[in-house]
Amino acid sequence: MTERINYMKESPEFFKKIMELSMQEKKSSIEESTLQLVHIKASQMNGCGFCLDMHLKEAKIHGCFQNGTRIS
């Protein structure tokens, strides 16, 4: 198994921009559940298992799947 990339170490400017985007999302009027579903879909499209796992866990914490929503 290969070691995961440490994005903060490898590309601090990119990581900083991602964090800035995340902060702006939290200030927006978009519902948290919608943001989580967008993050999940983006992770699926990017093929990033680490991010997908992280965003699925966050979505569960925020109750995104209580209404029977399924991710395919």
PDB file of N, CA and C in Angstrom:
ATOM      1  N   MET A   1       0.849  -1.178   0.000  1.00  0.00           N
ATOM      2  CA  MET A   1       0.000   0.000   0.000  1.00  0.00           C
ATOM      3  C   MET A   1       0.891   1.238   0.000  1.00  0.00           C
ATOM      4  N   THR A   2       0.547   2.191  -0.829  1.00  0.00           N
ATOM      5  CA  THR A   2       1.341   3.411  -0.891  1.00  0.00           C
ATOM      6  C   THR A   2       0.865   4.406   0.159  1.00  0.00           C
ATOM      7  N   GLU A   3       1.785   5.237   0.584  1.00  0.00           N
ATOM      8  CA  GLU A   3       1.473   6.244   1.594  1.00  0.00           C
ATOM      9  C   GLU A   3       0.629   7.354   0.967  1.00  0.00           C
ATOM     10  N   ARG A   4      -0.323   7.853   1.723  1.00  0.00           N
ATOM     11  CA  ARG A   4      -1.153   8.949   1.238  1.00  0.00           C
ATOM     12  C   ARG A   4      -0.349  10.234   1.165  1.00  0.00           C
ATOM     13  N   ILE A   5      -0.732  11.078   0.228  1.00  0.00           N
ATOM     14  CA  ILE A   5      -0.065  12.366   0.064  1.00  0.00           C
ATOM     15  C   ILE A   5      -0.490  13.309   1.181  1.00  0.00           C
ATOM     16  N   ASN A   6       0.480  13.972   1.767  1.00  0.00           N
ATOM     17  CA  ASN A   6       0.208  14.997   2.766  1.00  0.00           C
ATOM     18  C   ASN A   6       0.065  16.324   2.016  1.00  0.00           C
ATOM     19  N   TYR A   7      -1.177  16.682   1.690  1.00  0.00           N
ATOM     20  CA  TYR A   7      -1.420  17.866   0.871  1.00  0.00           C
ATOM     21  C   TYR A   7      -0.952  19.148   1.547  1.00  0.00           C
ATOM     22  N   MET A   8      -1.086  19.211   2.839  1.00  0.00           N
ATOM     23  CA  MET A   8      -0.659  20.403   3.565  1.00  0.00           C
ATOM     24  C   MET A   8       0.846  20.606   3.423  1.00  0.00           C
ATOM     25  N   LYS A   9       1.583  19.514   3.438  1.00  0.00           N
ATOM     26  CA  LYS A   9       3.040  19.590   3.315  1.00  0.00           C
ATOM     27  C   LYS A   9       3.470  19.800   1.863  1.00  0.00           C
ATOM     28  N   GLU A  10       2.854  19.060   0.951  1.00  0.00           N
ATOM     29  CA  GLU A  10       3.264  19.089  -0.447  1.00  0.00           C
ATOM     30  C   GLU A  10       2.857  20.369  -1.172  1.00  0.00           C
ATOM     31  N   SER A  11       1.710  20.913  -0.804  1.00  0.00           N
ATOM     32  CA  SER A  11       1.212  22.105  -1.496  1.00  0.00           C
ATOM     33  C   SER A  11       0.479  23.011  -0.506  1.00  0.00           C
ATOM     34  N   PRO A  12       1.224  23.703   0.350  1.00  0.00           N
ATOM     35  CA  PRO A  12       0.580  24.530   1.377  1.00  0.00           C
ATOM     36  C   PRO A  12      -0.328  25.619   0.808  1.00  0.00           C
ATOM     37  N   GLU A  13       0.016  26.187  -0.327  1.00  0.00           N
ATOM     38  CA  GLU A  13      -0.832  27.233  -0.919  1.00  0.00           C
ATOM     39  C   GLU A  13      -2.170  26.659  -1.381  1.00  0.00           C
ATOM     40  N   PHE A  14      -2.128  25.490  -2.003  1.00  0.00           N
ATOM     41  CA  PHE A  14      -3.360  24.827  -2.423  1.00  0.00           C
ATOM     42  C   PHE A  14      -4.227  24.515  -1.214  1.00  0.00           C
ATOM     43  N   PHE A  15      -3.611  23.961  -0.185  1.00  0.00           N
ATOM     44  CA  PHE A  15      -4.346  23.607   1.032  1.00  0.00           C
ATOM     45  C   PHE A  15      -4.968  24.861   1.652  1.00  0.00           C
ATOM     46  N   LYS A  16      -4.230  25.950   1.655  1.00  0.00           N
ATOM     47  CA  LYS A  16      -4.737  27.213   2.201  1.00  0.00           C
ATOM     48  C   LYS A  16      -5.972  27.672   1.420  1.00  0.00           C
ATOM     49  N   LYS A  17      -5.932  27.564   0.092  1.00  0.00           N
ATOM     50  CA  LYS A  17      -7.077  27.960  -0.735  1.00  0.00           C
ATOM     51  C   LYS A  17      -8.282  27.068  -0.489  1.00  0.00           C
ATOM     52  N   ILE A  18      -8.052  25.787  -0.311  1.00  0.00           N
ATOM     53  CA  ILE A  18      -9.148  24.867  -0.013  1.00  0.00           C
ATOM     54  C   ILE A  18      -9.797  25.239   1.325  1.00  0.00           C
ATOM     55  N   MET A  19      -8.987  25.591   2.307  1.00  0.00           N
ATOM     56  CA  MET A  19      -9.515  25.987   3.620  1.00  0.00           C
ATOM     57  C   MET A  19     -10.300  27.301   3.516  1.00  0.00           C
ATOM     58  N   GLU A  20      -9.806  28.237   2.702  1.00  0.00           N
ATOM     59  CA  GLU A  20     -10.524  29.496   2.489  1.00  0.00           C
ATOM     60  C   GLU A  20     -11.878  29.236   1.837  1.00  0.00           C
ATOM     61  N   LEU A  21     -11.910  28.352   0.852  1.00  0.00           N
ATOM     62  CA  LEU A  21     -13.164  27.992   0.201  1.00  0.00           C
ATOM     63  C   LEU A  21     -14.136  27.379   1.210  1.00  0.00           C
ATOM     64  N   SER A  22     -13.625  26.515   2.045  1.00  0.00           N
ATOM     65  CA  SER A  22     -14.448  25.874   3.066  1.00  0.00           C
ATOM     66  C   SER A  22     -15.062  26.903   4.016  1.00  0.00           C
ATOM     67  N   MET A  23     -14.289  27.902   4.393  1.00  0.00           N
ATOM     68  CA  MET A  23     -14.801  28.946   5.285  1.00  0.00           C
ATOM     69  C   MET A  23     -15.886  29.779   4.595  1.00  0.00           C
ATOM     70  N   GLN A  24     -15.699  30.050   3.310  1.00  0.00           N
ATOM     71  CA  GLN A  24     -16.706  30.807   2.571  1.00  0.00           C
ATOM     72  C   GLN A  24     -17.998  30.002   2.423  1.00  0.00           C
ATOM     73  N   GLU A  25     -17.869  28.684   2.223  1.00  0.00           N
ATOM     74  CA  GLU A  25     -19.052  27.825   2.139  1.00  0.00           C
ATOM     75  C   GLU A  25     -19.869  27.913   3.420  1.00  0.00           C
ATOM     76  N   LYS A  26     -19.205  27.916   4.549  1.00  0.00           N
ATOM     77  CA  LYS A  26     -19.898  27.944   5.835  1.00  0.00           C
ATOM     78  C   LYS A  26     -20.652  29.264   6.035  1.00  0.00           C
ATOM     79  N   LYS A  27     -20.188  30.327   5.395  1.00  0.00           N
ATOM     80  CA  LYS A  27     -20.846  31.630   5.486  1.00  0.00           C
ATOM     81  C   LYS A  27     -22.010  31.761   4.502  1.00  0.00           C
ATOM     82  N   SER A  28     -22.092  30.844   3.557  1.00  0.00           N
ATOM     83  CA  SER A  28     -23.105  30.946   2.512  1.00  0.00           C
ATOM     84  C   SER A  28     -24.480  30.513   3.028  1.00  0.00           C
ATOM     85  N   SER A  29     -25.479  30.711   2.182  1.00  0.00           N
ATOM     86  CA  SER A  29     -26.846  30.324   2.545  1.00  0.00           C
ATOM     87  C   SER A  29     -27.172  28.894   2.120  1.00  0.00           C
ATOM     88  N   ILE A  30     -26.192  28.185   1.579  1.00  0.00           N
ATOM     89  CA  ILE A  30     -26.405  26.801   1.146  1.00  0.00           C
ATOM     90  C   ILE A  30     -26.505  25.900   2.372  1.00  0.00           C
ATOM     91  N   GLU A  31     -27.526  25.049   2.381  1.00  0.00           N
ATOM     92  CA  GLU A  31     -27.718  24.140   3.510  1.00  0.00           C
ATOM     93  C   GLU A  31     -26.526  23.201   3.667  1.00  0.00           C
ATOM     94  N   GLU A  32     -26.222  22.879   4.911  1.00  0.00           N
ATOM     95  CA  GLU A  32     -25.087  21.998   5.219  1.00  0.00           C
ATOM     96  C   GLU A  32     -25.232  20.645   4.522  1.00  0.00           C
ATOM     97  N   SER A  33     -26.439  20.106   4.500  1.00  0.00           N
ATOM     98  CA  SER A  33     -26.638  18.796   3.868  1.00  0.00           C
ATOM     99  C   SER A  33     -26.337  18.859   2.374  1.00  0.00           C
ATOM    100  N   THR A  34     -26.687  19.957   1.714  1.00  0.00           N
ATOM    101  CA  THR A  34     -26.394  20.116   0.295  1.00  0.00           C
ATOM    102  C   THR A  34     -24.886  20.214   0.063  1.00  0.00           C
ATOM    103  N   LEU A  35     -24.204  20.990   0.891  1.00  0.00           N
ATOM    104  CA  LEU A  35     -22.749  21.099   0.789  1.00  0.00           C
ATOM    105  C   LEU A  35     -22.080  19.741   0.953  1.00  0.00           C
ATOM    106  N   GLN A  36     -22.554  18.967   1.917  1.00  0.00           N
ATOM    107  CA  GLN A  36     -21.955  17.655   2.153  1.00  0.00           C
ATOM    108  C   GLN A  36     -22.143  16.749   0.941  1.00  0.00           C
ATOM    109  N   LEU A  37     -23.325  16.787   0.339  1.00  0.00           N
ATOM    110  CA  LEU A  37     -23.580  15.954  -0.839  1.00  0.00           C
ATOM    111  C   LEU A  37     -22.715  16.391  -2.019  1.00  0.00           C
ATOM    112  N   VAL A  38     -22.487  17.686  -2.170  1.00  0.00           N
ATOM    113  CA  VAL A  38     -21.600  18.187  -3.224  1.00  0.00           C
ATOM    114  C   VAL A  38     -20.172  17.693  -2.982  1.00  0.00           C
ATOM    115  N   HIS A  39     -19.720  17.751  -1.723  1.00  0.00           N
ATOM    116  CA  HIS A  39     -18.373  17.278  -1.395  1.00  0.00           C
ATOM    117  C   HIS A  39     -18.230  15.785  -1.696  1.00  0.00           C
ATOM    118  N   ILE A  40     -19.264  15.023  -1.381  1.00  0.00           N
ATOM    119  CA  ILE A  40     -19.239  13.579  -1.644  1.00  0.00           C
ATOM    120  C   ILE A  40     -19.137  13.321  -3.146  1.00  0.00           C
ATOM    121  N   LYS A  41     -19.960  14.011  -3.916  1.00  0.00           N
ATOM    122  CA  LYS A  41     -19.944  13.808  -5.369  1.00  0.00           C
ATOM    123  C   LYS A  41     -18.597  14.213  -5.967  1.00  0.00           C
ATOM    124  N   ALA A  42     -18.046  15.338  -5.517  1.00  0.00           N
ATOM    125  CA  ALA A  42     -16.736  15.775  -6.024  1.00  0.00           C
ATOM    126  C   ALA A  42     -15.662  14.737  -5.703  1.00  0.00           C
ATOM    127  N   SER A  43     -15.722  14.162  -4.507  1.00  0.00           N
ATOM    128  CA  SER A  43     -14.745  13.138  -4.128  1.00  0.00           C
ATOM    129  C   SER A  43     -14.896  11.895  -4.988  1.00  0.00           C
ATOM    130  N   GLN A  44     -16.147  11.534  -5.298  1.00  0.00           N
ATOM    131  CA  GLN A  44     -16.380  10.392  -6.183  1.00  0.00           C
ATOM    132  C   GLN A  44     -15.796  10.664  -7.569  1.00  0.00           C
ATOM    133  N   MET A  45     -16.048  11.861  -8.084  1.00  0.00           N
ATOM    134  CA  MET A  45     -15.568  12.219  -9.423  1.00  0.00           C
ATOM    135  C   MET A  45     -14.047  12.274  -9.467  1.00  0.00           C
ATOM    136  N   ASN A  46     -13.426  12.728  -8.384  1.00  0.00           N
ATOM    137  CA  ASN A  46     -11.971  12.820  -8.312  1.00  0.00           C
ATOM    138  C   ASN A  46     -11.315  11.480  -8.022  1.00  0.00           C
ATOM    139  N   GLY A  47     -12.112  10.512  -7.594  1.00  0.00           N
ATOM    140  CA  GLY A  47     -11.570   9.201  -7.276  1.00  0.00           C
ATOM    141  C   GLY A  47     -10.715   9.197  -6.021  1.00  0.00           C
ATOM    142  N   CYS A  48     -11.016  10.112  -5.099  1.00  0.00           N
ATOM    143  CA  CYS A  48     -10.225  10.221  -3.869  1.00  0.00           C
ATOM    144  C   CYS A  48     -10.934   9.487  -2.723  1.00  0.00           C
ATOM    145  N   GLY A  49     -10.475   8.289  -2.441  1.00  0.00           N
ATOM    146  CA  GLY A  49     -11.075   7.483  -1.384  1.00  0.00           C
ATOM    147  C   GLY A  49     -10.973   8.120  -0.014  1.00  0.00           C
ATOM    148  N   PHE A  50      -9.850   8.771   0.262  1.00  0.00           N
ATOM    149  CA  PHE A  50      -9.660   9.430   1.552  1.00  0.00           C
ATOM    150  C   PHE A  50     -10.710  10.518   1.746  1.00  0.00           C
ATOM    151  N   CYS A  51     -10.852  11.389   0.736  1.00  0.00           N
ATOM    152  CA  CYS A  51     -11.819  12.486   0.837  1.00  0.00           C
ATOM    153  C   CYS A  51     -13.253  11.953   0.880  1.00  0.00           C
ATOM    154  N   LEU A  52     -13.535  10.943   0.077  1.00  0.00           N
ATOM    155  CA  LEU A  52     -14.872  10.358   0.067  1.00  0.00           C
ATOM    156  C   LEU A  52     -15.220   9.829   1.452  1.00  0.00           C
ATOM    157  N   ASP A  53     -14.314   9.086   2.057  1.00  0.00           N
ATOM    158  CA  ASP A  53     -14.539   8.556   3.399  1.00  0.00           C
ATOM    159  C   ASP A  53     -14.772   9.692   4.401  1.00  0.00           C
ATOM    160  N   MET A  54     -13.941  10.725   4.331  1.00  0.00           N
ATOM    161  CA  MET A  54     -14.059  11.857   5.243  1.00  0.00           C
ATOM    162  C   MET A  54     -15.411  12.549   5.088  1.00  0.00           C
ATOM    163  N   HIS A  55     -15.813  12.813   3.838  1.00  0.00           N
ATOM    164  CA  HIS A  55     -17.058  13.536   3.606  1.00  0.00           C
ATOM    165  C   HIS A  55     -18.289  12.682   3.921  1.00  0.00           C
ATOM    166  N   LEU A  56     -18.214  11.375   3.715  1.00  0.00           N
ATOM    167  CA  LEU A  56     -19.324  10.505   4.116  1.00  0.00           C
ATOM    168  C   LEU A  56     -19.517  10.528   5.631  1.00  0.00           C
ATOM    169  N   LYS A  57     -18.405  10.478   6.362  1.00  0.00           N
ATOM    170  CA  LYS A  57     -18.495  10.540   7.818  1.00  0.00           C
ATOM    171  C   LYS A  57     -19.067  11.877   8.284  1.00  0.00           C
ATOM    172  N   GLU A  58     -18.623  12.974   7.664  1.00  0.00           N
ATOM    173  CA  GLU A  58     -19.145  14.296   8.026  1.00  0.00           C
ATOM    174  C   GLU A  58     -20.630  14.389   7.721  1.00  0.00           C
ATOM    175  N   ALA A  59     -21.040  13.844   6.579  1.00  0.00           N
ATOM    176  CA  ALA A  59     -22.451  13.888   6.206  1.00  0.00           C
ATOM    177  C   ALA A  59     -23.306  13.122   7.210  1.00  0.00           C
ATOM    178  N   LYS A  60     -22.824  11.978   7.666  1.00  0.00           N
ATOM    179  CA  LYS A  60     -23.563  11.209   8.672  1.00  0.00           C
ATOM    180  C   LYS A  60     -23.676  11.991   9.976  1.00  0.00           C
ATOM    181  N   ILE A  61     -22.594  12.661  10.362  1.00  0.00           N
ATOM    182  CA  ILE A  61     -22.612  13.475  11.583  1.00  0.00           C
ATOM    183  C   ILE A  61     -23.667  14.567  11.479  1.00  0.00           C
ATOM    184  N   HIS A  62     -23.819  15.150  10.288  1.00  0.00           N
ATOM    185  CA  HIS A  62     -24.770  16.235  10.086  1.00  0.00           C
ATOM    186  C   HIS A  62     -26.172  15.724   9.755  1.00  0.00           C
ATOM    187  N   GLY A  63     -26.379  14.417   9.828  1.00  0.00           N
ATOM    188  CA  GLY A  63     -27.708  13.844   9.626  1.00  0.00           C
ATOM    189  C   GLY A  63     -28.184  13.807   8.188  1.00  0.00           C
ATOM    190  N   CYS A  64     -27.281  13.794   7.250  1.00  0.00           N
ATOM    191  CA  CYS A  64     -27.664  13.840   5.836  1.00  0.00           C
ATOM    192  C   CYS A  64     -28.369  12.584   5.352  1.00  0.00           C
ATOM    193  N   PHE A  65     -28.222  11.472   6.030  1.00  0.00           N
ATOM    194  CA  PHE A  65     -28.795  10.228   5.556  1.00  0.00           C
ATOM    195  C   PHE A  65     -29.984   9.750   6.385  1.00  0.00           C
ATOM    196  N   GLN A  66     -30.519  10.608   7.225  1.00  0.00           N
ATOM    197  CA  GLN A  66     -31.639  10.217   8.079  1.00  0.00           C
ATOM    198  C   GLN A  66     -32.939  10.026   7.289  1.00  0.00           C
ATOM    199  N   ASN A  67     -33.022  10.677   6.115  1.00  0.00           N
ATOM    200  CA  ASN A  67     -34.250  10.560   5.319  1.00  0.00           C
ATOM    201  C   ASN A  67     -34.180   9.438   4.301  1.00  0.00           C
ATOM    202  N   GLY A  68     -33.163   8.605   4.382  1.00  0.00           N
ATOM    203  CA  GLY A  68     -33.018   7.481   3.471  1.00  0.00           C
ATOM    204  C   GLY A  68     -32.230   7.795   2.220  1.00  0.00           C
ATOM    205  N   THR A  69     -31.572   8.948   2.165  1.00  0.00           N
ATOM    206  CA  THR A  69     -30.751   9.306   1.015  1.00  0.00           C
ATOM    207  C   THR A  69     -29.686   8.240   0.797  1.00  0.00           C
ATOM    208  N   ARG A  70     -29.528   7.838  -0.468  1.00  0.00           N
ATOM    209  CA  ARG A  70     -28.522   6.834  -0.803  1.00  0.00           C
ATOM    210  C   ARG A  70     -27.509   7.443  -1.737  1.00  0.00           C
ATOM    211  N   ILE A  71     -26.273   7.096  -1.550  1.00  0.00           N
ATOM    212  CA  ILE A  71     -25.190   7.582  -2.401  1.00  0.00           C
ATOM    213  C   ILE A  71     -24.787   6.445  -3.327  1.00  0.00           C
ATOM    214  N   SER A  72     -24.772   6.720  -4.632  1.00  0.00           N
ATOM    215  CA  SER A  72     -24.357   5.670  -5.574  1.00  0.00           C
ATOM    216  C   SER A  72     -23.221   6.151  -6.431  1.00  0.00           C
TER     217      SER A  72
END
